[in-house]
Amino acid sequence: MRLRLFDSVDEKRDFLSGCQTWLPLGTAATVAISANSSGAAKAWAVLATLCLVGATSLSRHKCEHIDKSLKTKKDDEDKVKDSKLQAAMEDAKRDVERASKKAVEALIEEFHGRYFRHEQPLSRHHNRTTLFRCVEYCDDHGSHLMLTIYKRVGKYEDSDTTWPLDKNELTKCRGVAAEIWYHNTEVSRTAECDWPEMDDGSPEVQAQKELYASSLKITLAEAERLKVKSRAFTGQPVWSGGKKWGVLLLDSLKEDRIFNRTNQGKDLEAFAIQLGAVLGRLDP
């Protein structure tokens, strides 16, 4: 719509400037109105409508832009909140795991002291109590199981020694603890002899080493790697949450420290059951 009637050039310029301010996307609607024109009233009405529509469209565009900005800001804030919440939950989980492990460790230490309560103070280092945990790991050959030390009372508490497991083949379950896990029952074993204190390379010493290893059903190389060459072993499987969690193993440098009292075997079995119940609550 173009009506080219203005009373002056200045009036036309001011009018066009106002229209371009309000009409969206630079819409050019030049309306020329003469004071003497009979259609002036209608033209002014059309002009007012165009300006109102333009202002409304511009306002809507601005509102949509503001809404989008606010939504983006809210999404970013939600992501930050979710990230902080996730971090807090992970911290809380780690705290629970640490507290749980400390509780289990305290139980094992108390049991160890009670089981070997008749041991003389200077001989307490002869005995150990170890809770092994069954864990799964993967390598290039597939998935495997092994026993790792969860808690030990006695020498080499921080040992990283592991023992391989196999659900189907006993020969692949190495060590007394692994044998207990495989058979799912108590196993007790005593070496036929002590490990030689001195190694002079003689055939007699070599024979003694081999006898020690074979009587424990381990290889000579496995026996060599043992930091403590215990003489007697006994243990119980530990069940928790309906699964075979691990093994509780006792070992001693002296045979009579483990097998000298008839009630100790019952104590060991009862504690293994109790330990499994505690682990089920603390470490599901």
C-alpha atoms as a PDB file:
ATOM      1  CA  MET A   1       0.000   0.000   0.000  1.00  0.00           C
ATOM      2  CA  ARG A   2       1.644   3.257  -1.098  1.00  0.00           C
ATOM      3  CA  LEU A   3      -0.101   6.653  -0.589  1.00  0.00           C
ATOM      4  CA  ARG A   4       2.360   9.380  -1.455  1.00  0.00           C
ATOM      5  CA  LEU A   5       0.790  12.412   0.220  1.00  0.00           C
ATOM      6  CA  PHE A   6       2.828  14.224   2.907  1.00  0.00           C
ATOM      7  CA  ASP A   7       2.581  17.845   3.872  1.00  0.00           C
ATOM      8  CA  SER A   8       6.373  18.124   4.078  1.00  0.00           C
ATOM      9  CA  VAL A   9       9.619  16.235   3.423  1.00  0.00           C
ATOM     10  CA  ASP A  10      10.495  16.302   7.146  1.00  0.00           C
ATOM     11  CA  GLU A  11       7.141  14.718   8.015  1.00  0.00           C
ATOM     12  CA  LYS A  12       7.745  11.942   5.490  1.00  0.00           C
ATOM     13  CA  ARG A  13      11.282  11.256   6.817  1.00  0.00           C
ATOM     14  CA  ASP A  14      10.089  11.092  10.426  1.00  0.00           C
ATOM     15  CA  PHE A  15       7.247   8.805   9.443  1.00  0.00           C
ATOM     16  CA  LEU A  16       9.478   6.351   7.518  1.00  0.00           C
ATOM     17  CA  SER A  17      11.946   6.264  10.392  1.00  0.00           C
ATOM     18  CA  GLY A  18       9.172   5.263  12.799  1.00  0.00           C
ATOM     19  CA  CYS A  19       7.858   2.578  10.457  1.00  0.00           C
ATOM     20  CA  GLN A  20      11.270   0.957  10.008  1.00  0.00           C
ATOM     21  CA  THR A  21      11.691   0.876  13.788  1.00  0.00           C
ATOM     22  CA  TRP A  22       8.498  -1.010  14.410  1.00  0.00           C
ATOM     23  CA  LEU A  23       7.909  -3.143  11.321  1.00  0.00           C
ATOM     24  CA  PRO A  24       9.821  -6.491  11.557  1.00  0.00           C
ATOM     25  CA  LEU A  25      12.679  -7.367   9.224  1.00  0.00           C
ATOM     26  CA  GLY A  26      12.827  -3.859   7.788  1.00  0.00           C
ATOM     27  CA  THR A  27       9.387  -4.095   6.126  1.00  0.00           C
ATOM     28  CA  ALA A  28       8.866  -1.030   3.939  1.00  0.00           C
ATOM     29  CA  ALA A  29       5.294   0.158   4.119  1.00  0.00           C
ATOM     30  CA  THR A  30       5.364   3.772   3.050  1.00  0.00           C
ATOM     31  CA  VAL A  31       2.069   5.511   3.670  1.00  0.00           C
ATOM     32  CA  ALA A  32       1.637   9.045   2.283  1.00  0.00           C
ATOM     33  CA  ILE A  33      -1.278  10.829   3.741  1.00  0.00           C
ATOM     34  CA  SER A  34      -2.552  14.286   2.954  1.00  0.00           C
ATOM     35  CA  ALA A  35      -4.510  16.283   5.445  1.00  0.00           C
ATOM     36  CA  ASN A  36      -6.955  17.066   2.678  1.00  0.00           C
ATOM     37  CA  SER A  37      -7.400  13.454   1.588  1.00  0.00           C
ATOM     38  CA  SER A  38     -10.790  11.961   2.181  1.00  0.00           C
ATOM     39  CA  GLY A  39      -9.153   8.604   2.906  1.00  0.00           C
ATOM     40  CA  ALA A  40      -6.874  10.003   5.613  1.00  0.00           C
ATOM     41  CA  ALA A  41      -8.743   8.453   8.502  1.00  0.00           C
ATOM     42  CA  LYS A  42      -8.711   4.998   6.884  1.00  0.00           C
ATOM     43  CA  ALA A  43      -5.036   5.345   5.976  1.00  0.00           C
ATOM     44  CA  TRP A  44      -4.129   6.264   9.551  1.00  0.00           C
ATOM     45  CA  ALA A  45      -6.103   3.289  10.790  1.00  0.00           C
ATOM     46  CA  VAL A  46      -4.191   0.965   8.418  1.00  0.00           C
ATOM     47  CA  LEU A  47      -0.932   2.532   9.548  1.00  0.00           C
ATOM     48  CA  ALA A  48      -1.746   2.003  13.206  1.00  0.00           C
ATOM     49  CA  THR A  49      -2.624  -1.645  12.524  1.00  0.00           C
ATOM     50  CA  LEU A  50       0.634  -2.251  10.638  1.00  0.00           C
ATOM     51  CA  CYS A  51       2.685  -0.678  13.404  1.00  0.00           C
ATOM     52  CA  LEU A  52       0.830  -2.730  16.051  1.00  0.00           C
ATOM     53  CA  VAL A  53       1.391  -5.973  14.124  1.00  0.00           C
ATOM     54  CA  GLY A  54       5.062  -5.144  13.664  1.00  0.00           C
ATOM     55  CA  ALA A  55       5.543  -4.315  17.330  1.00  0.00           C
ATOM     56  CA  THR A  56       3.718  -7.509  18.378  1.00  0.00           C
ATOM     57  CA  SER A  57       5.833  -9.659  16.050  1.00  0.00           C
ATOM     58  CA  LEU A  58       9.020  -8.069  17.314  1.00  0.00           C
ATOM     59  CA  SER A  59       7.963  -8.571  20.917  1.00  0.00           C
ATOM     60  CA  ARG A  60       7.140 -12.223  20.229  1.00  0.00           C
ATOM     61  CA  HIS A  61      10.536 -12.737  18.593  1.00  0.00           C
ATOM     62  CA  LYS A  62      12.279 -11.177  21.578  1.00  0.00           C
ATOM     63  CA  CYS A  63      10.257 -13.311  24.005  1.00  0.00           C
ATOM     64  CA  GLU A  64      11.123 -16.490  22.117  1.00  0.00           C
ATOM     65  CA  HIS A  65      14.788 -15.546  22.186  1.00  0.00           C
ATOM     66  CA  ILE A  66      14.632 -14.858  25.923  1.00  0.00           C
ATOM     67  CA  ASP A  67      12.790 -18.158  26.566  1.00  0.00           C
ATOM     68  CA  LYS A  68      15.405 -20.063  24.577  1.00  0.00           C
ATOM     69  CA  SER A  69      18.237 -18.351  26.461  1.00  0.00           C
ATOM     70  CA  LEU A  70      16.604 -19.105  29.803  1.00  0.00           C
ATOM     71  CA  LYS A  71      16.051 -22.747  28.839  1.00  0.00           C
ATOM     72  CA  THR A  72      19.674 -23.099  27.762  1.00  0.00           C
ATOM     73  CA  LYS A  73      20.812 -21.514  31.008  1.00  0.00           C
ATOM     74  CA  LYS A  74      18.544 -23.803  33.028  1.00  0.00           C
ATOM     75  CA  ASP A  75      19.813 -26.878  31.139  1.00  0.00           C
ATOM     76  CA  ASP A  76      23.401 -25.846  31.873  1.00  0.00           C
ATOM     77  CA  GLU A  77      22.566 -25.297  35.541  1.00  0.00           C
ATOM     78  CA  ASP A  78      20.844 -28.711  35.698  1.00  0.00           C
ATOM     79  CA  LYS A  79      23.921 -30.364  34.182  1.00  0.00           C
ATOM     80  CA  VAL A  80      26.134 -28.718  36.792  1.00  0.00           C
ATOM     81  CA  LYS A  81      23.762 -29.804  39.562  1.00  0.00           C
ATOM     82  CA  ASP A  82      23.642 -33.371  38.206  1.00  0.00           C
ATOM     83  CA  SER A  83      27.432 -33.466  37.977  1.00  0.00           C
ATOM     84  CA  LYS A  84      27.798 -32.237  41.560  1.00  0.00           C
ATOM     85  CA  LEU A  85      25.170 -34.708  42.754  1.00  0.00           C
ATOM     86  CA  GLN A  86      26.915 -37.579  40.970  1.00  0.00           C
ATOM     87  CA  ALA A  87      30.257 -36.576  42.493  1.00  0.00           C
ATOM     88  CA  ALA A  88      28.685 -36.367  45.951  1.00  0.00           C
ATOM     89  CA  MET A  89      27.106 -39.811  45.527  1.00  0.00           C
ATOM     90  CA  GLU A  90      30.441 -41.302  44.445  1.00  0.00           C
ATOM     91  CA  ASP A  91      32.169 -39.721  47.448  1.00  0.00           C
ATOM     92  CA  ALA A  92      29.485 -41.127  49.741  1.00  0.00           C
ATOM     93  CA  LYS A  93      29.861 -44.576  48.167  1.00  0.00           C
ATOM     94  CA  ARG A  94      33.612 -44.501  48.722  1.00  0.00           C
ATOM     95  CA  ASP A  95      33.066 -43.448  52.330  1.00  0.00           C
ATOM     96  CA  VAL A  96      30.667 -46.353  52.857  1.00  0.00           C
ATOM     97  CA  GLU A  97      33.133 -48.788  51.263  1.00  0.00           C
ATOM     98  CA  ARG A  98      35.948 -47.547  53.492  1.00  0.00           C
ATOM     99  CA  ALA A  99      33.777 -47.772  56.591  1.00  0.00           C
ATOM    100  CA  SER A 100      32.581 -51.233  55.562  1.00  0.00           C
ATOM    101  CA  LYS A 101      36.104 -52.509  55.062  1.00  0.00           C
ATOM    102  CA  LYS A 102      37.201 -51.113  58.409  1.00  0.00           C
ATOM    103  CA  ALA A 103      34.310 -52.903  60.106  1.00  0.00           C
ATOM    104  CA  VAL A 104      35.257 -56.216  58.464  1.00  0.00           C
ATOM    105  CA  GLU A 105      38.923 -55.694  59.306  1.00  0.00           C
ATOM    106  CA  ALA A 106      38.047 -55.093  62.966  1.00  0.00           C
ATOM    107  CA  LEU A 107      36.065 -58.362  63.043  1.00  0.00           C
ATOM    108  CA  ILE A 108      38.959 -60.329  61.538  1.00  0.00           C
ATOM    109  CA  GLU A 109      41.458 -58.821  63.966  1.00  0.00           C
ATOM    110  CA  GLU A 110      39.193 -59.695  66.891  1.00  0.00           C
ATOM    111  CA  PHE A 111      38.769 -63.274  65.620  1.00  0.00           C
ATOM    112  CA  HIS A 112      42.518 -63.671  65.076  1.00  0.00           C
ATOM    113  CA  GLY A 113      43.232 -62.602  68.638  1.00  0.00           C
ATOM    114  CA  ARG A 114      40.626 -65.001  70.011  1.00  0.00           C
ATOM    115  CA  TYR A 115      41.643 -67.979  67.878  1.00  0.00           C
ATOM    116  CA  PHE A 116      45.327 -67.662  68.766  1.00  0.00           C
ATOM    117  CA  ARG A 117      44.690 -66.391  72.296  1.00  0.00           C
ATOM    118  CA  HIS A 118      46.983 -68.998  73.877  1.00  0.00           C
ATOM    119  CA  GLU A 119      49.947 -67.929  71.761  1.00  0.00           C
ATOM    120  CA  GLN A 120      52.844 -66.308  73.595  1.00  0.00           C
ATOM    121  CA  PRO A 121      53.409 -62.626  72.691  1.00  0.00           C
ATOM    122  CA  LEU A 122      56.834 -63.296  71.193  1.00  0.00           C
ATOM    123  CA  SER A 123      55.417 -66.043  68.971  1.00  0.00           C
ATOM    124  CA  ARG A 124      52.336 -64.282  67.635  1.00  0.00           C
ATOM    125  CA  HIS A 125      54.093 -63.486  64.372  1.00  0.00           C
ATOM    126  CA  HIS A 126      54.044 -67.229  63.629  1.00  0.00           C
ATOM    127  CA  ASN A 127      50.312 -67.071  62.842  1.00  0.00           C
ATOM    128  CA  ARG A 128      48.219 -65.302  60.228  1.00  0.00           C
ATOM    129  CA  THR A 129      44.555 -64.892  59.367  1.00  0.00           C
ATOM    130  CA  THR A 130      43.730 -63.910  55.781  1.00  0.00           C
ATOM    131  CA  LEU A 131      40.442 -63.110  54.088  1.00  0.00           C
ATOM    132  CA  PHE A 132      40.735 -63.733  50.362  1.00  0.00           C
ATOM    133  CA  ARG A 133      38.223 -62.294  47.930  1.00  0.00           C
ATOM    134  CA  CYS A 134      37.308 -63.892  44.615  1.00  0.00           C
ATOM    135  CA  VAL A 135      37.610 -61.371  41.774  1.00  0.00           C
ATOM    136  CA  GLU A 136      37.211 -61.596  38.034  1.00  0.00           C
ATOM    137  CA  TYR A 137      39.662 -60.155  35.547  1.00  0.00           C
ATOM    138  CA  CYS A 138      40.121 -60.225  31.784  1.00  0.00           C
ATOM    139  CA  ASP A 139      43.129 -60.561  29.526  1.00  0.00           C
ATOM    140  CA  ASP A 140      43.808 -61.497  25.906  1.00  0.00           C
ATOM    141  CA  HIS A 141      42.709 -65.068  26.632  1.00  0.00           C
ATOM    142  CA  GLY A 142      39.324 -64.194  28.124  1.00  0.00           C
ATOM    143  CA  SER A 143      37.807 -63.923  31.596  1.00  0.00           C
ATOM    144  CA  HIS A 144      39.442 -65.491  34.664  1.00  0.00           C
ATOM    145  CA  LEU A 145      39.001 -65.755  38.440  1.00  0.00           C
ATOM    146  CA  MET A 146      41.557 -65.331  41.186  1.00  0.00           C
ATOM    147  CA  LEU A 147      41.849 -64.883  44.932  1.00  0.00           C
ATOM    148  CA  THR A 148      43.221 -61.559  46.168  1.00  0.00           C
ATOM    149  CA  ILE A 149      43.957 -60.503  49.734  1.00  0.00           C
ATOM    150  CA  TYR A 150      41.111 -58.412  51.177  1.00  0.00           C
ATOM    151  CA  LYS A 151      42.445 -58.324  54.742  1.00  0.00           C
ATOM    152  CA  ARG A 152      45.303 -60.045  56.512  1.00  0.00           C
ATOM    153  CA  VAL A 153      46.330 -60.072  60.152  1.00  0.00           C
ATOM    154  CA  GLY A 154      49.967 -61.049  60.529  1.00  0.00           C
ATOM    155  CA  LYS A 155      53.118 -60.710  58.477  1.00  0.00           C
ATOM    156  CA  TYR A 156      52.952 -59.154  54.997  1.00  0.00           C
ATOM    157  CA  GLU A 157      49.526 -57.599  55.431  1.00  0.00           C
ATOM    158  CA  ASP A 158      50.027 -55.537  52.258  1.00  0.00           C
ATOM    159  CA  SER A 159      51.047 -58.483  50.089  1.00  0.00           C
ATOM    160  CA  ASP A 160      49.790 -58.439  46.506  1.00  0.00           C
ATOM    161  CA  THR A 161      49.949 -62.226  46.187  1.00  0.00           C
ATOM    162  CA  THR A 162      47.127 -63.775  44.149  1.00  0.00           C
ATOM    163  CA  TRP A 163      46.064 -67.367  43.534  1.00  0.00           C
ATOM    164  CA  PRO A 164      44.333 -68.509  40.320  1.00  0.00           C
ATOM    165  CA  LEU A 165      40.917 -70.169  40.386  1.00  0.00           C
ATOM    166  CA  ASP A 166      38.924 -72.279  37.971  1.00  0.00           C
ATOM    167  CA  LYS A 167      35.313 -73.352  38.339  1.00  0.00           C
ATOM    168  CA  ASN A 168      35.803 -76.578  36.433  1.00  0.00           C
ATOM    169  CA  GLU A 169      39.389 -77.795  36.837  1.00  0.00           C
ATOM    170  CA  LEU A 170      40.941 -78.372  40.265  1.00  0.00           C
ATOM    171  CA  THR A 171      44.462 -78.474  38.851  1.00  0.00           C
ATOM    172  CA  LYS A 172      44.081 -74.826  37.844  1.00  0.00           C
ATOM    173  CA  CYS A 173      43.182 -73.845  41.409  1.00  0.00           C
ATOM    174  CA  ARG A 174      46.556 -73.185  42.976  1.00  0.00           C
ATOM    175  CA  GLY A 175      47.232 -73.137  46.715  1.00  0.00           C
ATOM    176  CA  VAL A 176      45.281 -74.280  49.766  1.00  0.00           C
ATOM    177  CA  ALA A 177      42.909 -71.293  49.686  1.00  0.00           C
ATOM    178  CA  ALA A 178      42.017 -71.954  46.038  1.00  0.00           C
ATOM    179  CA  GLU A 179      41.403 -75.608  46.858  1.00  0.00           C
ATOM    180  CA  ILE A 180      39.019 -74.577  49.659  1.00  0.00           C
ATOM    181  CA  TRP A 181      37.182 -72.328  47.207  1.00  0.00           C
ATOM    182  CA  TYR A 182      36.923 -75.099  44.604  1.00  0.00           C
ATOM    183  CA  HIS A 183      35.636 -77.788  47.006  1.00  0.00           C
ATOM    184  CA  ASN A 184      33.478 -75.274  48.884  1.00  0.00           C
ATOM    185  CA  THR A 185      34.345 -76.866  52.209  1.00  0.00           C
ATOM    186  CA  GLU A 186      36.962 -76.758  54.932  1.00  0.00           C
ATOM    187  CA  VAL A 187      40.385 -78.017  53.927  1.00  0.00           C
ATOM    188  CA  SER A 188      43.294 -78.517  56.319  1.00  0.00           C
ATOM    189  CA  ARG A 189      46.795 -79.340  55.235  1.00  0.00           C
ATOM    190  CA  THR A 190      50.182 -79.728  56.878  1.00  0.00           C
ATOM    191  CA  ALA A 191      53.508 -79.708  55.083  1.00  0.00           C
ATOM    192  CA  GLU A 192      55.544 -82.873  55.491  1.00  0.00           C
ATOM    193  CA  CYS A 193      58.527 -80.835  56.636  1.00  0.00           C
ATOM    194  CA  ASP A 194      59.685 -77.310  57.350  1.00  0.00           C
ATOM    195  CA  TRP A 195      61.190 -75.249  54.595  1.00  0.00           C
ATOM    196  CA  PRO A 196      64.987 -75.414  54.989  1.00  0.00           C
ATOM    197  CA  GLU A 197      66.418 -72.444  56.835  1.00  0.00           C
ATOM    198  CA  MET A 198      69.680 -72.547  54.928  1.00  0.00           C
ATOM    199  CA  ASP A 199      70.062 -73.228  51.227  1.00  0.00           C
ATOM    200  CA  ASP A 200      73.497 -74.581  50.442  1.00  0.00           C
ATOM    201  CA  GLY A 201      72.421 -76.023  47.112  1.00  0.00           C
ATOM    202  CA  SER A 202      72.897 -79.580  48.290  1.00  0.00           C
ATOM    203  CA  PRO A 203      70.686 -82.412  47.015  1.00  0.00           C
ATOM    204  CA  GLU A 204      69.318 -82.878  50.556  1.00  0.00           C
ATOM    205  CA  VAL A 205      68.135 -79.275  50.750  1.00  0.00           C
ATOM    206  CA  GLN A 206      66.643 -79.490  47.284  1.00  0.00           C
ATOM    207  CA  ALA A 207      64.799 -82.668  48.232  1.00  0.00           C
ATOM    208  CA  GLN A 208      63.452 -81.004  51.366  1.00  0.00           C
ATOM    209  CA  LYS A 209      62.131 -78.097  49.329  1.00  0.00           C
ATOM    210  CA  GLU A 210      60.428 -80.396  46.863  1.00  0.00           C
ATOM    211  CA  LEU A 211      58.852 -82.409  49.677  1.00  0.00           C
ATOM    212  CA  TYR A 212      57.534 -79.249  51.291  1.00  0.00           C
ATOM    213  CA  ALA A 213      55.995 -78.067  48.025  1.00  0.00           C
ATOM    214  CA  SER A 214      54.505 -81.381  46.922  1.00  0.00           C
ATOM    215  CA  SER A 215      52.907 -82.032  50.303  1.00  0.00           C
ATOM    216  CA  LEU A 216      51.076 -78.708  49.991  1.00  0.00           C
ATOM    217  CA  LYS A 217      50.123 -79.530  46.388  1.00  0.00           C
ATOM    218  CA  ILE A 218      51.964 -76.578  44.926  1.00  0.00           C
ATOM    219  CA  THR A 219      54.925 -76.373  42.590  1.00  0.00           C
ATOM    220  CA  LEU A 220      58.455 -75.699  43.769  1.00  0.00           C
ATOM    221  CA  ALA A 221      58.356 -72.331  42.022  1.00  0.00           C
ATOM    222  CA  GLU A 222      55.143 -71.413  43.864  1.00  0.00           C
ATOM    223  CA  ALA A 223      56.691 -72.450  47.160  1.00  0.00           C
ATOM    224  CA  GLU A 224      59.784 -70.366  46.423  1.00  0.00           C
ATOM    225  CA  ARG A 225      57.609 -67.277  45.954  1.00  0.00           C
ATOM    226  CA  LEU A 226      55.943 -67.617  49.362  1.00  0.00           C
ATOM    227  CA  LYS A 227      57.206 -64.900  51.681  1.00  0.00           C
ATOM    228  CA  VAL A 228      56.198 -66.966  54.709  1.00  0.00           C
ATOM    229  CA  LYS A 229      56.787 -70.723  54.496  1.00  0.00           C
ATOM    230  CA  SER A 230      54.021 -71.815  56.856  1.00  0.00           C
ATOM    231  CA  ARG A 231      53.739 -75.389  58.027  1.00  0.00           C
ATOM    232  CA  ALA A 232      49.988 -75.692  58.687  1.00  0.00           C
ATOM    233  CA  PHE A 233      46.922 -74.358  56.880  1.00  0.00           C
ATOM    234  CA  THR A 234      43.172 -74.518  57.401  1.00  0.00           C
ATOM    235  CA  GLY A 235      40.261 -72.491  56.110  1.00  0.00           C
ATOM    236  CA  GLN A 236      36.611 -72.134  55.239  1.00  0.00           C
ATOM    237  CA  PRO A 237      34.730 -70.801  52.202  1.00  0.00           C
ATOM    238  CA  VAL A 238      32.923 -67.507  52.792  1.00  0.00           C
ATOM    239  CA  TRP A 239      29.475 -67.087  51.255  1.00  0.00           C
ATOM    240  CA  SER A 240      27.745 -63.729  51.028  1.00  0.00           C
ATOM    241  CA  GLY A 241      24.603 -62.653  49.231  1.00  0.00           C
ATOM    242  CA  GLY A 242      24.050 -66.123  47.802  1.00  0.00           C
ATOM    243  CA  LYS A 243      27.451 -66.314  46.122  1.00  0.00           C
ATOM    244  CA  LYS A 244      30.862 -67.703  47.020  1.00  0.00           C
ATOM    245  CA  TRP A 245      32.539 -64.472  48.095  1.00  0.00           C
ATOM    246  CA  GLY A 246      35.968 -65.796  49.045  1.00  0.00           C
ATOM    247  CA  VAL A 247      37.980 -67.819  51.553  1.00  0.00           C
ATOM    248  CA  LEU A 248      39.017 -67.354  55.169  1.00  0.00           C
ATOM    249  CA  LEU A 249      42.443 -68.954  55.639  1.00  0.00           C
ATOM    250  CA  LEU A 250      44.611 -69.504  58.714  1.00  0.00           C
ATOM    251  CA  ASP A 251      48.266 -70.442  58.467  1.00  0.00           C
ATOM    252  CA  SER A 252      50.999 -70.968  61.020  1.00  0.00           C
ATOM    253  CA  LEU A 253      54.667 -71.798  61.150  1.00  0.00           C
ATOM    254  CA  LYS A 254      53.805 -74.313  63.868  1.00  0.00           C
ATOM    255  CA  GLU A 255      51.457 -77.216  63.311  1.00  0.00           C
ATOM    256  CA  ASP A 256      50.031 -77.325  66.831  1.00  0.00           C
ATOM    257  CA  ARG A 257      48.961 -73.667  66.758  1.00  0.00           C
ATOM    258  CA  ILE A 258      46.089 -74.499  64.424  1.00  0.00           C
ATOM    259  CA  PHE A 259      45.109 -78.063  65.249  1.00  0.00           C
ATOM    260  CA  ASN A 260      45.721 -78.238  68.972  1.00  0.00           C
ATOM    261  CA  ARG A 261      42.129 -77.715  70.189  1.00  0.00           C
ATOM    262  CA  THR A 262      38.979 -79.481  69.011  1.00  0.00           C
ATOM    263  CA  ASN A 263      36.701 -76.445  69.294  1.00  0.00           C
ATOM    264  CA  GLN A 264      38.826 -74.229  67.057  1.00  0.00           C
ATOM    265  CA  GLY A 265      37.479 -75.834  63.883  1.00  0.00           C
ATOM    266  CA  LYS A 266      33.944 -75.010  64.992  1.00  0.00           C
ATOM    267  CA  ASP A 267      35.020 -71.467  65.824  1.00  0.00           C
ATOM    268  CA  LEU A 268      36.406 -71.064  62.318  1.00  0.00           C
ATOM    269  CA  GLU A 269      33.242 -72.322  60.621  1.00  0.00           C
ATOM    270  CA  ALA A 270      30.985 -70.171  62.793  1.00  0.00           C
ATOM    271  CA  PHE A 271      33.081 -67.072  62.125  1.00  0.00           C
ATOM    272  CA  ALA A 272      33.103 -67.687  58.362  1.00  0.00           C
ATOM    273  CA  ILE A 273      29.287 -67.754  58.426  1.00  0.00           C
ATOM    274  CA  GLN A 274      29.143 -64.621  60.564  1.00  0.00           C
ATOM    275  CA  LEU A 275      31.629 -62.857  58.308  1.00  0.00           C
ATOM    276  CA  GLY A 276      29.563 -63.709  55.230  1.00  0.00           C
ATOM    277  CA  ALA A 277      26.454 -62.213  56.847  1.00  0.00           C
ATOM    278  CA  VAL A 278      28.305 -59.002  57.676  1.00  0.00           C
ATOM    279  CA  LEU A 279      29.755 -58.759  54.176  1.00  0.00           C
ATOM    280  CA  GLY A 280      26.254 -59.208  52.763  1.00  0.00           C
ATOM    281  CA  ARG A 281      25.069 -56.130  54.629  1.00  0.00           C
ATOM    282  CA  LEU A 282      28.120 -53.991  54.049  1.00  0.00           C
ATOM    283  CA  ASP A 283      29.242 -55.125  50.612  1.00  0.00           C
ATOM    284  CA  PRO A 284      26.220 -56.425  48.645  1.00  0.00           C
END
